[in-house]
Amino acid sequence: MAASETPTPTEIKLHQKSRLLEIAFADDTRFNFPCEFLRVYSPSAEVRGHGPGQEVLQVGKINAEITAIEPVGTYAINLAFTDGHDSGIYSWDYLYNLGVHQDELWARYLERMKEAGASREPASAMPAAFEHRPKSK
């Protein structure tokens, strides 16, 4: 769908307890985005890089929460997250596209995490490596 054809949002609701951002569009389409999904698919250069193949895999974002939603003109929103990330501009076109392809994008993300041996858990939540100490005499 071309950007000019993308329906505009009619409602944007943040559900803090369930960590979902619900967006309803003018064509009666409604998407529920987990905060983690929006964080790992941020359209920012920090996440997407500056060209194909420069994407940075986002790890440890399972507990991501949205702390602020700011309008950007009449075409987008900026989301701020609990990890300090706040540089992504989520256009209506980008959000609609994320919604339409959410299942396949999420599956791709999980596959990339598996291939990298990475975790959705923050580093501080993962158990420390077993420390081997010689037995005392």
N, C-alpha and C. Protein backbone atom coordinates (compact mmCIF):
# COMPACT_ATOMS: atom_id res chain seq x y z
N MET A 1 0.85 -1.19 0.00
CA MET A 1 0.00 0.00 0.00
C MET A 1 0.89 1.24 0.00
N ALA A 2 0.69 2.12 -0.92
CA ALA A 2 1.47 3.35 -0.98
C ALA A 2 1.12 4.23 0.21
N ALA A 3 2.08 5.04 0.63
CA ALA A 3 1.89 5.90 1.80
C ALA A 3 0.64 6.76 1.66
N SER A 4 0.38 7.25 0.45
CA SER A 4 -0.79 8.12 0.27
C SER A 4 -2.10 7.35 0.42
N GLU A 5 -2.05 6.02 0.27
CA GLU A 5 -3.25 5.19 0.38
C GLU A 5 -3.43 4.62 1.78
N THR A 6 -2.43 4.74 2.63
CA THR A 6 -2.50 4.16 3.96
C THR A 6 -3.57 4.88 4.78
N PRO A 7 -4.48 4.12 5.37
CA PRO A 7 -5.48 4.75 6.23
C PRO A 7 -4.80 5.43 7.42
N THR A 8 -5.42 6.47 7.93
CA THR A 8 -4.87 7.14 9.10
C THR A 8 -5.45 6.51 10.36
N PRO A 9 -4.69 6.57 11.46
CA PRO A 9 -5.22 6.03 12.71
C PRO A 9 -6.41 6.84 13.21
N THR A 10 -7.37 6.13 13.76
CA THR A 10 -8.53 6.79 14.38
C THR A 10 -8.44 6.69 15.89
N GLU A 11 -7.58 5.80 16.36
CA GLU A 11 -7.42 5.61 17.80
C GLU A 11 -6.06 4.97 18.08
N ILE A 12 -5.38 5.49 19.10
CA ILE A 12 -4.11 4.92 19.55
C ILE A 12 -4.21 4.81 21.06
N LYS A 13 -4.13 3.58 21.56
CA LYS A 13 -4.27 3.34 23.00
C LYS A 13 -3.10 2.53 23.50
N LEU A 14 -2.48 2.98 24.59
CA LEU A 14 -1.42 2.22 25.23
C LEU A 14 -2.02 1.46 26.41
N HIS A 15 -1.89 0.15 26.37
CA HIS A 15 -2.34 -0.70 27.47
C HIS A 15 -1.10 -1.06 28.28
N GLN A 16 -0.88 -0.32 29.37
CA GLN A 16 0.35 -0.47 30.13
C GLN A 16 0.50 -1.83 30.78
N LYS A 17 -0.59 -2.37 31.35
CA LYS A 17 -0.49 -3.66 32.04
C LYS A 17 -0.08 -4.78 31.09
N SER A 18 -0.72 -4.84 29.94
CA SER A 18 -0.42 -5.90 28.97
C SER A 18 0.73 -5.52 28.04
N ARG A 19 1.23 -4.28 28.16
CA ARG A 19 2.32 -3.78 27.33
C ARG A 19 2.01 -3.92 25.84
N LEU A 20 0.81 -3.44 25.48
CA LEU A 20 0.37 -3.45 24.09
C LEU A 20 0.01 -2.04 23.65
N LEU A 21 0.36 -1.71 22.41
CA LEU A 21 -0.09 -0.47 21.80
C LEU A 21 -1.14 -0.87 20.77
N GLU A 22 -2.36 -0.42 20.98
CA GLU A 22 -3.47 -0.74 20.10
C GLU A 22 -3.71 0.44 19.17
N ILE A 23 -3.73 0.14 17.87
CA ILE A 23 -3.95 1.20 16.89
C ILE A 23 -5.08 0.78 15.96
N ALA A 24 -6.12 1.62 15.90
CA ALA A 24 -7.23 1.40 14.97
C ALA A 24 -7.05 2.38 13.82
N PHE A 25 -7.27 1.88 12.60
CA PHE A 25 -7.13 2.70 11.40
C PHE A 25 -8.51 2.99 10.80
N ALA A 26 -8.56 3.99 9.93
CA ALA A 26 -9.81 4.45 9.33
C ALA A 26 -10.50 3.37 8.48
N ASP A 27 -9.80 2.33 8.05
CA ASP A 27 -10.41 1.27 7.26
C ASP A 27 -10.95 0.15 8.16
N ASP A 28 -11.08 0.43 9.47
CA ASP A 28 -11.57 -0.53 10.47
C ASP A 28 -10.58 -1.64 10.79
N THR A 29 -9.34 -1.50 10.35
CA THR A 29 -8.30 -2.44 10.72
C THR A 29 -7.79 -2.03 12.10
N ARG A 30 -7.51 -3.02 12.93
CA ARG A 30 -7.02 -2.76 14.29
C ARG A 30 -5.84 -3.70 14.54
N PHE A 31 -4.75 -3.14 15.06
CA PHE A 31 -3.57 -3.94 15.37
C PHE A 31 -3.22 -3.76 16.84
N ASN A 32 -2.76 -4.85 17.46
CA ASN A 32 -2.23 -4.81 18.82
C ASN A 32 -0.76 -5.14 18.74
N PHE A 33 0.07 -4.17 19.07
CA PHE A 33 1.52 -4.35 18.98
C PHE A 33 2.12 -4.50 20.37
N PRO A 34 2.79 -5.62 20.66
CA PRO A 34 3.54 -5.70 21.91
C PRO A 34 4.65 -4.64 21.89
N CYS A 35 4.91 -4.04 23.03
CA CYS A 35 5.96 -3.02 23.12
C CYS A 35 7.30 -3.58 22.64
N GLU A 36 7.60 -4.82 23.00
CA GLU A 36 8.86 -5.45 22.57
C GLU A 36 8.95 -5.47 21.04
N PHE A 37 7.87 -5.82 20.36
CA PHE A 37 7.85 -5.86 18.90
C PHE A 37 8.17 -4.49 18.32
N LEU A 38 7.50 -3.46 18.84
CA LEU A 38 7.75 -2.10 18.34
C LEU A 38 9.17 -1.65 18.63
N ARG A 39 9.72 -2.07 19.76
CA ARG A 39 11.10 -1.69 20.10
C ARG A 39 12.10 -2.35 19.16
N VAL A 40 11.93 -3.66 18.90
CA VAL A 40 12.91 -4.35 18.06
C VAL A 40 12.75 -4.01 16.59
N TYR A 41 11.59 -3.51 16.20
CA TYR A 41 11.37 -3.06 14.82
C TYR A 41 11.30 -1.55 14.73
N SER A 42 12.00 -0.86 15.61
CA SER A 42 12.07 0.60 15.55
C SER A 42 12.61 1.02 14.18
N PRO A 43 12.01 2.03 13.58
CA PRO A 43 12.51 2.50 12.28
C PRO A 43 13.75 3.39 12.39
N SER A 44 14.34 3.48 13.57
CA SER A 44 15.50 4.36 13.77
C SER A 44 16.75 3.80 13.09
N ALA A 45 17.68 4.69 12.79
CA ALA A 45 18.96 4.28 12.20
C ALA A 45 19.74 3.41 13.19
N GLU A 46 19.55 3.64 14.48
CA GLU A 46 20.22 2.84 15.51
C GLU A 46 19.86 1.35 15.37
N VAL A 47 18.64 1.06 14.95
CA VAL A 47 18.16 -0.32 14.81
C VAL A 47 18.31 -0.80 13.36
N ARG A 48 17.86 0.02 12.42
CA ARG A 48 17.84 -0.39 11.02
C ARG A 48 19.15 -0.17 10.28
N GLY A 49 20.05 0.60 10.85
CA GLY A 49 21.28 0.93 10.16
C GLY A 49 21.04 2.00 9.11
N HIS A 50 22.04 2.23 8.29
CA HIS A 50 21.92 3.27 7.26
C HIS A 50 21.79 2.67 5.87
N GLY A 51 21.57 1.36 5.81
CA GLY A 51 21.40 0.70 4.52
C GLY A 51 21.19 -0.79 4.71
N PRO A 52 20.85 -1.49 3.63
CA PRO A 52 20.60 -2.93 3.71
C PRO A 52 21.81 -3.67 4.30
N GLY A 53 21.52 -4.61 5.17
CA GLY A 53 22.58 -5.41 5.79
C GLY A 53 23.21 -4.77 7.00
N GLN A 54 22.78 -3.57 7.36
CA GLN A 54 23.36 -2.87 8.51
C GLN A 54 22.45 -2.92 9.74
N GLU A 55 21.39 -3.74 9.66
CA GLU A 55 20.46 -3.84 10.78
C GLU A 55 21.18 -4.35 12.02
N VAL A 56 20.77 -3.85 13.18
CA VAL A 56 21.37 -4.27 14.45
C VAL A 56 20.33 -5.08 15.21
N LEU A 57 20.64 -6.37 15.45
CA LEU A 57 19.72 -7.23 16.18
C LEU A 57 19.53 -6.71 17.59
N GLN A 58 18.28 -6.49 17.97
CA GLN A 58 17.96 -5.96 19.29
C GLN A 58 17.73 -7.13 20.25
N VAL A 59 18.55 -7.23 21.27
CA VAL A 59 18.44 -8.34 22.22
C VAL A 59 18.05 -7.81 23.59
N GLY A 60 17.47 -8.68 24.40
CA GLY A 60 17.14 -8.32 25.78
C GLY A 60 16.01 -7.32 25.92
N LYS A 61 15.06 -7.32 24.98
CA LYS A 61 14.00 -6.30 24.99
C LYS A 61 12.64 -6.84 25.44
N ILE A 62 12.60 -8.04 26.02
CA ILE A 62 11.32 -8.65 26.40
C ILE A 62 10.51 -7.77 27.36
N ASN A 63 11.19 -7.00 28.20
CA ASN A 63 10.49 -6.16 29.19
C ASN A 63 10.28 -4.72 28.72
N ALA A 64 10.51 -4.47 27.44
CA ALA A 64 10.37 -3.10 26.92
C ALA A 64 8.96 -2.57 27.18
N GLU A 65 8.91 -1.32 27.59
CA GLU A 65 7.64 -0.63 27.78
C GLU A 65 7.73 0.73 27.11
N ILE A 66 6.61 1.22 26.65
CA ILE A 66 6.54 2.56 26.07
C ILE A 66 6.29 3.54 27.20
N THR A 67 7.13 4.57 27.27
CA THR A 67 6.98 5.58 28.33
C THR A 67 6.35 6.87 27.82
N ALA A 68 6.38 7.09 26.50
CA ALA A 68 5.80 8.30 25.94
C ALA A 68 5.45 8.08 24.47
N ILE A 69 4.37 8.71 24.05
CA ILE A 69 3.94 8.71 22.65
C ILE A 69 3.74 10.17 22.26
N GLU A 70 4.51 10.62 21.28
CA GLU A 70 4.43 12.02 20.84
C GLU A 70 4.06 12.07 19.37
N PRO A 71 3.11 12.93 18.99
CA PRO A 71 2.79 13.08 17.57
C PRO A 71 3.95 13.73 16.82
N VAL A 72 4.12 13.31 15.58
CA VAL A 72 5.10 13.94 14.69
C VAL A 72 4.30 14.42 13.49
N GLY A 73 4.02 15.70 13.49
CA GLY A 73 3.17 16.25 12.43
C GLY A 73 1.83 15.54 12.41
N THR A 74 1.33 15.27 11.21
CA THR A 74 0.07 14.54 11.06
C THR A 74 0.31 13.18 10.41
N TYR A 75 1.57 12.75 10.38
CA TYR A 75 1.89 11.53 9.64
C TYR A 75 2.54 10.43 10.46
N ALA A 76 2.85 10.68 11.75
CA ALA A 76 3.63 9.69 12.50
C ALA A 76 3.56 9.95 14.00
N ILE A 77 4.13 8.99 14.74
CA ILE A 77 4.34 9.16 16.18
C ILE A 77 5.78 8.78 16.51
N ASN A 78 6.26 9.35 17.58
CA ASN A 78 7.57 8.99 18.13
C ASN A 78 7.29 8.26 19.44
N LEU A 79 7.94 7.12 19.62
CA LEU A 79 7.76 6.33 20.84
C LEU A 79 9.03 6.37 21.66
N ALA A 80 8.89 6.55 22.97
CA ALA A 80 10.01 6.47 23.89
C ALA A 80 9.82 5.20 24.72
N PHE A 81 10.93 4.50 24.95
CA PHE A 81 10.89 3.22 25.65
C PHE A 81 11.67 3.28 26.96
N THR A 82 11.40 2.32 27.83
CA THR A 82 12.03 2.28 29.15
C THR A 82 13.55 2.13 29.08
N ASP A 83 14.08 1.61 27.98
CA ASP A 83 15.54 1.47 27.87
C ASP A 83 16.21 2.75 27.36
N GLY A 84 15.43 3.82 27.22
CA GLY A 84 15.98 5.10 26.78
C GLY A 84 15.89 5.33 25.28
N HIS A 85 15.54 4.31 24.52
CA HIS A 85 15.44 4.46 23.07
C HIS A 85 14.25 5.36 22.74
N ASP A 86 14.50 6.40 21.94
CA ASP A 86 13.41 7.32 21.59
C ASP A 86 13.63 7.99 20.24
N SER A 87 14.39 7.34 19.35
CA SER A 87 14.73 8.01 18.10
C SER A 87 13.98 7.47 16.88
N GLY A 88 13.01 6.60 17.08
CA GLY A 88 12.27 6.08 15.93
C GLY A 88 11.02 6.89 15.63
N ILE A 89 10.84 7.24 14.36
CA ILE A 89 9.64 7.94 13.91
C ILE A 89 8.78 6.89 13.19
N TYR A 90 7.67 6.53 13.80
CA TYR A 90 6.78 5.49 13.28
C TYR A 90 5.68 6.14 12.45
N SER A 91 5.86 6.15 11.12
CA SER A 91 4.85 6.74 10.24
C SER A 91 3.63 5.84 10.21
N TRP A 92 2.49 6.41 9.78
CA TRP A 92 1.28 5.60 9.68
C TRP A 92 1.51 4.45 8.72
N ASP A 93 2.20 4.70 7.62
CA ASP A 93 2.49 3.67 6.63
C ASP A 93 3.34 2.55 7.25
N TYR A 94 4.36 2.93 8.00
CA TYR A 94 5.23 1.94 8.64
C TYR A 94 4.45 1.10 9.65
N LEU A 95 3.63 1.74 10.48
CA LEU A 95 2.84 1.02 11.48
C LEU A 95 1.84 0.07 10.83
N TYR A 96 1.19 0.54 9.78
CA TYR A 96 0.21 -0.30 9.08
C TYR A 96 0.91 -1.52 8.49
N ASN A 97 2.07 -1.29 7.88
CA ASN A 97 2.86 -2.38 7.30
C ASN A 97 3.31 -3.36 8.39
N LEU A 98 3.75 -2.85 9.53
CA LEU A 98 4.11 -3.73 10.65
C LEU A 98 2.92 -4.59 11.07
N GLY A 99 1.75 -3.98 11.12
CA GLY A 99 0.56 -4.71 11.53
C GLY A 99 0.19 -5.81 10.55
N VAL A 100 0.21 -5.49 9.27
CA VAL A 100 -0.15 -6.47 8.25
C VAL A 100 0.83 -7.65 8.25
N HIS A 101 2.10 -7.38 8.52
CA HIS A 101 3.14 -8.42 8.45
C HIS A 101 3.67 -8.85 9.82
N GLN A 102 2.92 -8.53 10.87
CA GLN A 102 3.40 -8.76 12.24
C GLN A 102 3.84 -10.20 12.49
N ASP A 103 3.03 -11.18 12.10
CA ASP A 103 3.36 -12.57 12.38
C ASP A 103 4.66 -13.00 11.72
N GLU A 104 4.82 -12.67 10.44
CA GLU A 104 6.05 -13.08 9.75
C GLU A 104 7.27 -12.30 10.25
N LEU A 105 7.09 -11.03 10.58
CA LEU A 105 8.21 -10.25 11.11
C LEU A 105 8.65 -10.80 12.47
N TRP A 106 7.68 -11.16 13.30
CA TRP A 106 8.01 -11.70 14.62
C TRP A 106 8.74 -13.04 14.48
N ALA A 107 8.26 -13.90 13.58
CA ALA A 107 8.91 -15.19 13.34
C ALA A 107 10.34 -14.99 12.84
N ARG A 108 10.54 -14.02 11.96
CA ARG A 108 11.88 -13.72 11.44
C ARG A 108 12.79 -13.24 12.57
N TYR A 109 12.25 -12.37 13.43
CA TYR A 109 13.04 -11.87 14.57
C TYR A 109 13.46 -13.03 15.48
N LEU A 110 12.53 -13.90 15.82
CA LEU A 110 12.85 -15.04 16.69
C LEU A 110 13.89 -15.95 16.05
N GLU A 111 13.80 -16.14 14.74
CA GLU A 111 14.78 -16.96 14.03
C GLU A 111 16.17 -16.31 14.07
N ARG A 112 16.22 -15.01 13.86
CA ARG A 112 17.51 -14.29 13.92
C ARG A 112 18.11 -14.38 15.33
N MET A 113 17.26 -14.29 16.35
CA MET A 113 17.73 -14.41 17.73
C MET A 113 18.33 -15.79 17.95
N LYS A 114 17.63 -16.83 17.47
CA LYS A 114 18.09 -18.21 17.62
C LYS A 114 19.44 -18.40 16.92
N GLU A 115 19.53 -17.92 15.68
CA GLU A 115 20.78 -18.04 14.91
C GLU A 115 21.95 -17.34 15.60
N ALA A 116 21.66 -16.23 16.27
CA ALA A 116 22.71 -15.46 16.95
C ALA A 116 23.01 -16.00 18.35
N GLY A 117 22.20 -16.96 18.81
CA GLY A 117 22.37 -17.46 20.17
C GLY A 117 22.08 -16.38 21.20
N ALA A 118 21.18 -15.46 20.84
CA ALA A 118 20.86 -14.32 21.69
C ALA A 118 19.58 -14.58 22.48
N SER A 119 19.32 -13.71 23.44
CA SER A 119 18.15 -13.87 24.30
C SER A 119 17.28 -12.62 24.28
N ARG A 120 15.99 -12.86 24.45
CA ARG A 120 15.04 -11.76 24.60
C ARG A 120 15.12 -11.19 26.01
N GLU A 121 15.68 -11.96 26.94
CA GLU A 121 15.82 -11.53 28.33
C GLU A 121 16.95 -10.51 28.45
N PRO A 122 16.78 -9.50 29.31
CA PRO A 122 17.87 -8.56 29.54
C PRO A 122 19.06 -9.28 30.16
N ALA A 123 20.26 -8.81 29.89
CA ALA A 123 21.47 -9.45 30.42
C ALA A 123 21.42 -9.59 31.93
N SER A 124 20.87 -8.61 32.64
CA SER A 124 20.84 -8.66 34.10
C SER A 124 19.90 -9.74 34.61
N ALA A 125 18.96 -10.22 33.77
CA ALA A 125 18.02 -11.26 34.21
C ALA A 125 18.55 -12.66 33.96
N MET A 126 19.62 -12.75 33.17
CA MET A 126 20.17 -14.05 32.87
C MET A 126 21.10 -14.48 33.98
N PRO A 127 21.12 -15.78 34.31
CA PRO A 127 22.00 -16.24 35.39
C PRO A 127 23.47 -16.01 35.03
N ALA A 128 24.24 -15.67 36.04
CA ALA A 128 25.67 -15.47 35.83
C ALA A 128 26.31 -16.81 35.45
N ALA A 129 27.37 -16.73 34.69
CA ALA A 129 28.07 -17.95 34.30
C ALA A 129 28.58 -18.66 35.55
N PHE A 130 28.58 -19.96 35.50
CA PHE A 130 29.07 -20.75 36.62
C PHE A 130 30.55 -20.45 36.82
N GLU A 131 30.89 -20.14 38.02
CA GLU A 131 32.29 -19.83 38.32
C GLU A 131 32.94 -21.05 38.94
N HIS A 132 34.01 -21.51 38.34
CA HIS A 132 34.70 -22.70 38.85
C HIS A 132 35.83 -22.25 39.79
N ARG A 133 35.76 -22.72 41.00
CA ARG A 133 36.80 -22.42 41.98
C ARG A 133 37.43 -23.70 42.46
N PRO A 134 38.72 -23.72 42.63
CA PRO A 134 39.35 -24.93 43.17
C PRO A 134 38.85 -25.18 44.60
N LYS A 135 38.74 -26.45 44.95
CA LYS A 135 38.33 -26.80 46.31
C LYS A 135 39.39 -26.38 47.29
N SER A 136 38.93 -25.86 48.43
CA SER A 136 39.92 -25.47 49.45
C SER A 136 40.40 -26.71 50.16
N LYS A 137 41.66 -26.69 50.63
CA LYS A 137 42.25 -27.87 51.29
C LYS A 137 42.16 -27.75 52.77
